Amino acid sequence: MALHPVLYVKDGELVLKTIMIGNYEKACKRYVKKQLKRKSRIDRERCFVTYADCSQKQLKQIETVVREWIDFEHLIFNTASATVSCNCGPNAFGVLYVRS
């Protein structure tokens, strides 16, 4: 059984929000859907996917799931900082966007 913690920043601290159970692919899909579920409140111009040591296969999978939910004009992938990478570990990613 694989456990995938979901973290977020609250008052400048990294906090555990939930833990997703299952393989990476299923957890990835659930996470992206949860982040993008309020489509009407999301600016569709730009979305960033920040990741730490994800394979090209994983990045393609993330792109596919994001675009299934919202086809952003610009979907930008960027590597996480050393601090984020150390705290979150390999295969971690986050979906960032502007609310409209």
N, C-alpha and C. Protein backbone atom coordinates (compact mmCIF):
# COMPACT_ATOMS: atom_id res chain seq x y z
N MET A 1 0.85 -1.18 0.00
CA MET A 1 0.00 0.00 0.00
C MET A 1 0.89 1.24 0.00
N ALA A 2 0.63 2.15 -0.89
CA ALA A 2 1.41 3.37 -1.00
C ALA A 2 0.65 4.53 -0.35
N LEU A 3 1.38 5.33 0.40
CA LEU A 3 0.81 6.51 1.05
C LEU A 3 1.43 7.76 0.43
N HIS A 4 0.59 8.73 0.09
CA HIS A 4 1.04 9.96 -0.55
C HIS A 4 0.52 11.16 0.25
N PRO A 5 1.38 11.77 1.08
CA PRO A 5 0.93 12.92 1.86
C PRO A 5 0.70 14.14 0.97
N VAL A 6 -0.33 14.90 1.30
CA VAL A 6 -0.63 16.16 0.61
C VAL A 6 -0.34 17.27 1.61
N LEU A 7 0.60 18.14 1.25
CA LEU A 7 1.03 19.22 2.13
C LEU A 7 0.60 20.56 1.58
N TYR A 8 0.47 21.54 2.44
CA TYR A 8 0.22 22.91 2.02
C TYR A 8 0.87 23.85 3.01
N VAL A 9 1.00 25.11 2.62
CA VAL A 9 1.64 26.10 3.47
C VAL A 9 0.55 26.88 4.19
N LYS A 10 0.65 26.94 5.51
CA LYS A 10 -0.28 27.70 6.33
C LYS A 10 0.53 28.51 7.33
N ASP A 11 0.36 29.81 7.29
CA ASP A 11 1.09 30.72 8.19
C ASP A 11 2.59 30.48 8.14
N GLY A 12 3.12 30.23 6.92
CA GLY A 12 4.56 30.06 6.74
C GLY A 12 5.10 28.69 7.10
N GLU A 13 4.24 27.76 7.45
CA GLU A 13 4.69 26.41 7.83
C GLU A 13 4.09 25.38 6.89
N LEU A 14 4.83 24.30 6.65
CA LEU A 14 4.35 23.20 5.85
C LEU A 14 3.48 22.31 6.73
N VAL A 15 2.23 22.09 6.32
CA VAL A 15 1.25 21.38 7.13
C VAL A 15 0.68 20.21 6.33
N LEU A 16 0.44 19.10 7.00
CA LEU A 16 -0.18 17.95 6.36
C LEU A 16 -1.67 18.21 6.21
N LYS A 17 -2.17 18.14 4.97
CA LYS A 17 -3.59 18.35 4.70
C LYS A 17 -4.34 17.03 4.71
N THR A 18 -3.81 16.03 4.02
CA THR A 18 -4.43 14.71 3.96
C THR A 18 -3.40 13.70 3.47
N ILE A 19 -3.77 12.45 3.47
CA ILE A 19 -2.92 11.40 2.92
C ILE A 19 -3.75 10.62 1.91
N MET A 20 -3.23 10.51 0.69
CA MET A 20 -3.91 9.73 -0.34
C MET A 20 -3.31 8.34 -0.35
N ILE A 21 -4.17 7.35 -0.50
CA ILE A 21 -3.75 5.96 -0.47
C ILE A 21 -3.92 5.36 -1.87
N GLY A 22 -2.96 4.58 -2.29
CA GLY A 22 -3.03 3.92 -3.59
C GLY A 22 -1.77 4.16 -4.39
N ASN A 23 -1.77 3.67 -5.63
CA ASN A 23 -0.57 3.84 -6.44
C ASN A 23 -0.43 5.30 -6.88
N TYR A 24 0.76 5.63 -7.39
CA TYR A 24 1.10 7.01 -7.73
C TYR A 24 0.14 7.58 -8.77
N GLU A 25 -0.17 6.79 -9.80
CA GLU A 25 -1.03 7.26 -10.88
C GLU A 25 -2.41 7.66 -10.38
N LYS A 26 -3.02 6.84 -9.55
CA LYS A 26 -4.35 7.15 -9.02
C LYS A 26 -4.30 8.34 -8.07
N ALA A 27 -3.27 8.39 -7.24
CA ALA A 27 -3.13 9.51 -6.31
C ALA A 27 -2.92 10.82 -7.08
N CYS A 28 -2.16 10.76 -8.15
CA CYS A 28 -1.92 11.93 -9.00
C CYS A 28 -3.23 12.45 -9.55
N LYS A 29 -4.04 11.58 -10.10
CA LYS A 29 -5.33 11.99 -10.67
C LYS A 29 -6.24 12.60 -9.61
N ARG A 30 -6.32 11.96 -8.44
CA ARG A 30 -7.19 12.49 -7.37
C ARG A 30 -6.72 13.87 -6.91
N TYR A 31 -5.39 14.02 -6.77
CA TYR A 31 -4.85 15.30 -6.32
C TYR A 31 -5.17 16.42 -7.31
N VAL A 32 -4.91 16.17 -8.60
CA VAL A 32 -5.16 17.20 -9.61
C VAL A 32 -6.64 17.55 -9.66
N LYS A 33 -7.51 16.56 -9.66
CA LYS A 33 -8.95 16.81 -9.70
C LYS A 33 -9.38 17.65 -8.50
N LYS A 34 -8.83 17.33 -7.34
CA LYS A 34 -9.19 18.07 -6.14
C LYS A 34 -8.73 19.52 -6.22
N GLN A 35 -7.56 19.75 -6.79
CA GLN A 35 -7.04 21.11 -6.91
C GLN A 35 -7.80 21.95 -7.93
N LEU A 36 -8.31 21.29 -8.97
CA LEU A 36 -8.95 22.03 -10.06
C LEU A 36 -10.47 21.93 -10.08
N LYS A 37 -11.07 21.43 -9.02
CA LYS A 37 -12.51 21.17 -9.03
C LYS A 37 -13.37 22.42 -9.12
N ARG A 38 -12.89 23.55 -8.68
CA ARG A 38 -13.66 24.80 -8.75
C ARG A 38 -13.31 25.56 -10.02
N LYS A 39 -13.65 24.97 -11.17
CA LYS A 39 -13.25 25.51 -12.48
C LYS A 39 -13.67 26.96 -12.68
N SER A 40 -14.84 27.31 -12.20
CA SER A 40 -15.34 28.67 -12.45
C SER A 40 -14.52 29.73 -11.72
N ARG A 41 -13.74 29.34 -10.73
CA ARG A 41 -12.95 30.29 -9.95
C ARG A 41 -11.48 30.31 -10.34
N ILE A 42 -11.15 29.66 -11.47
CA ILE A 42 -9.75 29.53 -11.87
C ILE A 42 -9.50 30.33 -13.15
N ASP A 43 -8.47 31.17 -13.14
CA ASP A 43 -8.03 31.89 -14.34
C ASP A 43 -7.35 30.88 -15.26
N ARG A 44 -7.88 30.73 -16.45
CA ARG A 44 -7.42 29.69 -17.38
C ARG A 44 -6.23 30.11 -18.24
N GLU A 45 -5.67 31.26 -17.95
CA GLU A 45 -4.54 31.73 -18.76
C GLU A 45 -3.26 30.94 -18.46
N ARG A 46 -2.97 30.68 -17.19
CA ARG A 46 -1.67 30.11 -16.85
C ARG A 46 -1.77 29.18 -15.65
N CYS A 47 -1.07 28.06 -15.75
CA CYS A 47 -0.99 27.11 -14.64
C CYS A 47 0.46 26.64 -14.54
N PHE A 48 0.95 26.55 -13.32
CA PHE A 48 2.30 26.05 -13.08
C PHE A 48 2.22 24.69 -12.40
N VAL A 49 3.06 23.79 -12.84
CA VAL A 49 3.24 22.52 -12.15
C VAL A 49 4.69 22.52 -11.67
N THR A 50 4.85 22.61 -10.37
CA THR A 50 6.19 22.61 -9.78
C THR A 50 6.45 21.21 -9.27
N TYR A 51 7.61 20.66 -9.63
CA TYR A 51 7.87 19.25 -9.31
C TYR A 51 9.28 19.04 -8.80
N ALA A 52 9.45 17.93 -8.09
CA ALA A 52 10.75 17.53 -7.56
C ALA A 52 11.07 16.12 -8.05
N ASP A 53 12.02 16.02 -8.93
CA ASP A 53 12.55 14.74 -9.40
C ASP A 53 11.49 13.79 -9.95
N CYS A 54 10.59 14.31 -10.78
CA CYS A 54 9.59 13.47 -11.45
C CYS A 54 10.15 13.02 -12.80
N SER A 55 9.79 11.82 -13.21
CA SER A 55 10.22 11.31 -14.51
C SER A 55 9.42 11.99 -15.62
N GLN A 56 9.91 11.87 -16.85
CA GLN A 56 9.18 12.42 -17.99
C GLN A 56 7.81 11.76 -18.13
N LYS A 57 7.74 10.48 -17.82
CA LYS A 57 6.46 9.76 -17.87
C LYS A 57 5.47 10.35 -16.86
N GLN A 58 5.94 10.62 -15.65
CA GLN A 58 5.08 11.21 -14.63
C GLN A 58 4.64 12.62 -15.03
N LEU A 59 5.55 13.40 -15.60
CA LEU A 59 5.19 14.76 -16.01
C LEU A 59 4.16 14.74 -17.13
N LYS A 60 4.28 13.81 -18.05
CA LYS A 60 3.30 13.67 -19.13
C LYS A 60 1.94 13.28 -18.56
N GLN A 61 1.95 12.37 -17.58
CA GLN A 61 0.71 11.94 -16.93
C GLN A 61 0.05 13.13 -16.23
N ILE A 62 0.82 13.93 -15.52
CA ILE A 62 0.29 15.11 -14.83
C ILE A 62 -0.30 16.08 -15.85
N GLU A 63 0.42 16.32 -16.95
CA GLU A 63 -0.08 17.21 -17.99
C GLU A 63 -1.41 16.72 -18.55
N THR A 64 -1.51 15.43 -18.80
CA THR A 64 -2.74 14.85 -19.35
C THR A 64 -3.91 15.06 -18.40
N VAL A 65 -3.70 14.80 -17.12
CA VAL A 65 -4.78 14.94 -16.14
C VAL A 65 -5.19 16.41 -15.99
N VAL A 66 -4.21 17.31 -15.94
CA VAL A 66 -4.53 18.74 -15.82
C VAL A 66 -5.36 19.18 -17.02
N ARG A 67 -4.94 18.82 -18.21
CA ARG A 67 -5.64 19.25 -19.42
C ARG A 67 -7.02 18.59 -19.57
N GLU A 68 -7.22 17.42 -18.96
CA GLU A 68 -8.55 16.81 -18.95
C GLU A 68 -9.54 17.70 -18.19
N TRP A 69 -9.05 18.35 -17.15
CA TRP A 69 -9.93 19.19 -16.32
C TRP A 69 -10.05 20.60 -16.85
N ILE A 70 -8.90 21.21 -17.14
CA ILE A 70 -8.89 22.59 -17.65
C ILE A 70 -7.78 22.69 -18.69
N ASP A 71 -8.12 23.19 -19.86
CA ASP A 71 -7.12 23.37 -20.91
C ASP A 71 -6.57 24.79 -20.80
N PHE A 72 -5.57 24.95 -19.94
CA PHE A 72 -4.95 26.26 -19.72
C PHE A 72 -4.26 26.72 -21.00
N GLU A 73 -4.23 28.05 -21.22
CA GLU A 73 -3.50 28.59 -22.35
C GLU A 73 -2.02 28.25 -22.25
N HIS A 74 -1.48 28.38 -21.04
CA HIS A 74 -0.06 28.08 -20.80
C HIS A 74 0.04 27.14 -19.61
N LEU A 75 0.61 25.98 -19.84
CA LEU A 75 0.87 25.02 -18.76
C LEU A 75 2.39 24.93 -18.64
N ILE A 76 2.90 25.45 -17.54
CA ILE A 76 4.33 25.63 -17.38
C ILE A 76 4.85 24.68 -16.29
N PHE A 77 5.85 23.89 -16.64
CA PHE A 77 6.48 22.97 -15.69
C PHE A 77 7.79 23.58 -15.23
N ASN A 78 8.00 23.59 -13.91
CA ASN A 78 9.26 24.09 -13.38
C ASN A 78 9.69 23.25 -12.19
N THR A 79 11.00 23.14 -12.03
CA THR A 79 11.52 22.33 -10.93
C THR A 79 11.41 23.08 -9.62
N ALA A 80 11.18 22.33 -8.57
CA ALA A 80 11.06 22.91 -7.24
C ALA A 80 12.42 23.35 -6.72
N SER A 81 12.40 24.24 -5.79
CA SER A 81 13.65 24.70 -5.16
C SER A 81 14.26 23.57 -4.33
N ALA A 82 15.49 23.76 -3.94
CA ALA A 82 16.17 22.76 -3.11
C ALA A 82 15.43 22.56 -1.79
N THR A 83 14.93 23.63 -1.21
CA THR A 83 14.21 23.53 0.06
C THR A 83 12.95 22.70 -0.07
N VAL A 84 12.16 22.99 -1.10
CA VAL A 84 10.92 22.23 -1.32
C VAL A 84 11.26 20.77 -1.63
N SER A 85 12.25 20.55 -2.47
CA SER A 85 12.64 19.19 -2.84
C SER A 85 13.07 18.38 -1.63
N CYS A 86 13.81 19.00 -0.72
CA CYS A 86 14.26 18.30 0.49
C CYS A 86 13.08 17.99 1.42
N ASN A 87 12.15 18.91 1.54
CA ASN A 87 11.01 18.70 2.43
C ASN A 87 10.00 17.71 1.86
N CYS A 88 9.81 17.73 0.56
CA CYS A 88 8.76 16.90 -0.06
C CYS A 88 9.28 15.60 -0.65
N GLY A 89 10.51 15.56 -1.09
CA GLY A 89 11.10 14.34 -1.63
C GLY A 89 10.82 14.14 -3.10
N PRO A 90 11.37 13.05 -3.65
CA PRO A 90 11.21 12.78 -5.08
C PRO A 90 9.76 12.45 -5.45
N ASN A 91 9.41 12.75 -6.69
CA ASN A 91 8.09 12.49 -7.27
C ASN A 91 7.00 13.40 -6.71
N ALA A 92 7.37 14.42 -6.00
CA ALA A 92 6.39 15.36 -5.46
C ALA A 92 6.10 16.44 -6.50
N PHE A 93 4.85 16.92 -6.52
CA PHE A 93 4.49 18.01 -7.41
C PHE A 93 3.34 18.80 -6.84
N GLY A 94 3.19 20.02 -7.33
CA GLY A 94 2.08 20.86 -6.93
C GLY A 94 1.51 21.56 -8.15
N VAL A 95 0.22 21.85 -8.11
CA VAL A 95 -0.47 22.56 -9.19
C VAL A 95 -0.81 23.94 -8.66
N LEU A 96 -0.30 24.98 -9.35
CA LEU A 96 -0.50 26.35 -8.90
C LEU A 96 -1.18 27.16 -10.00
N TYR A 97 -2.13 28.00 -9.60
CA TYR A 97 -2.88 28.81 -10.56
C TYR A 97 -3.38 30.06 -9.86
N VAL A 98 -3.91 30.98 -10.65
CA VAL A 98 -4.48 32.22 -10.11
C VAL A 98 -5.99 32.07 -10.08
N ARG A 99 -6.59 32.49 -9.00
CA ARG A 99 -8.06 32.48 -8.91
C ARG A 99 -8.60 33.68 -9.67
N SER A 100 -9.74 33.48 -10.32
CA SER A 100 -10.32 34.61 -11.06
C SER A 100 -11.41 35.27 -10.26
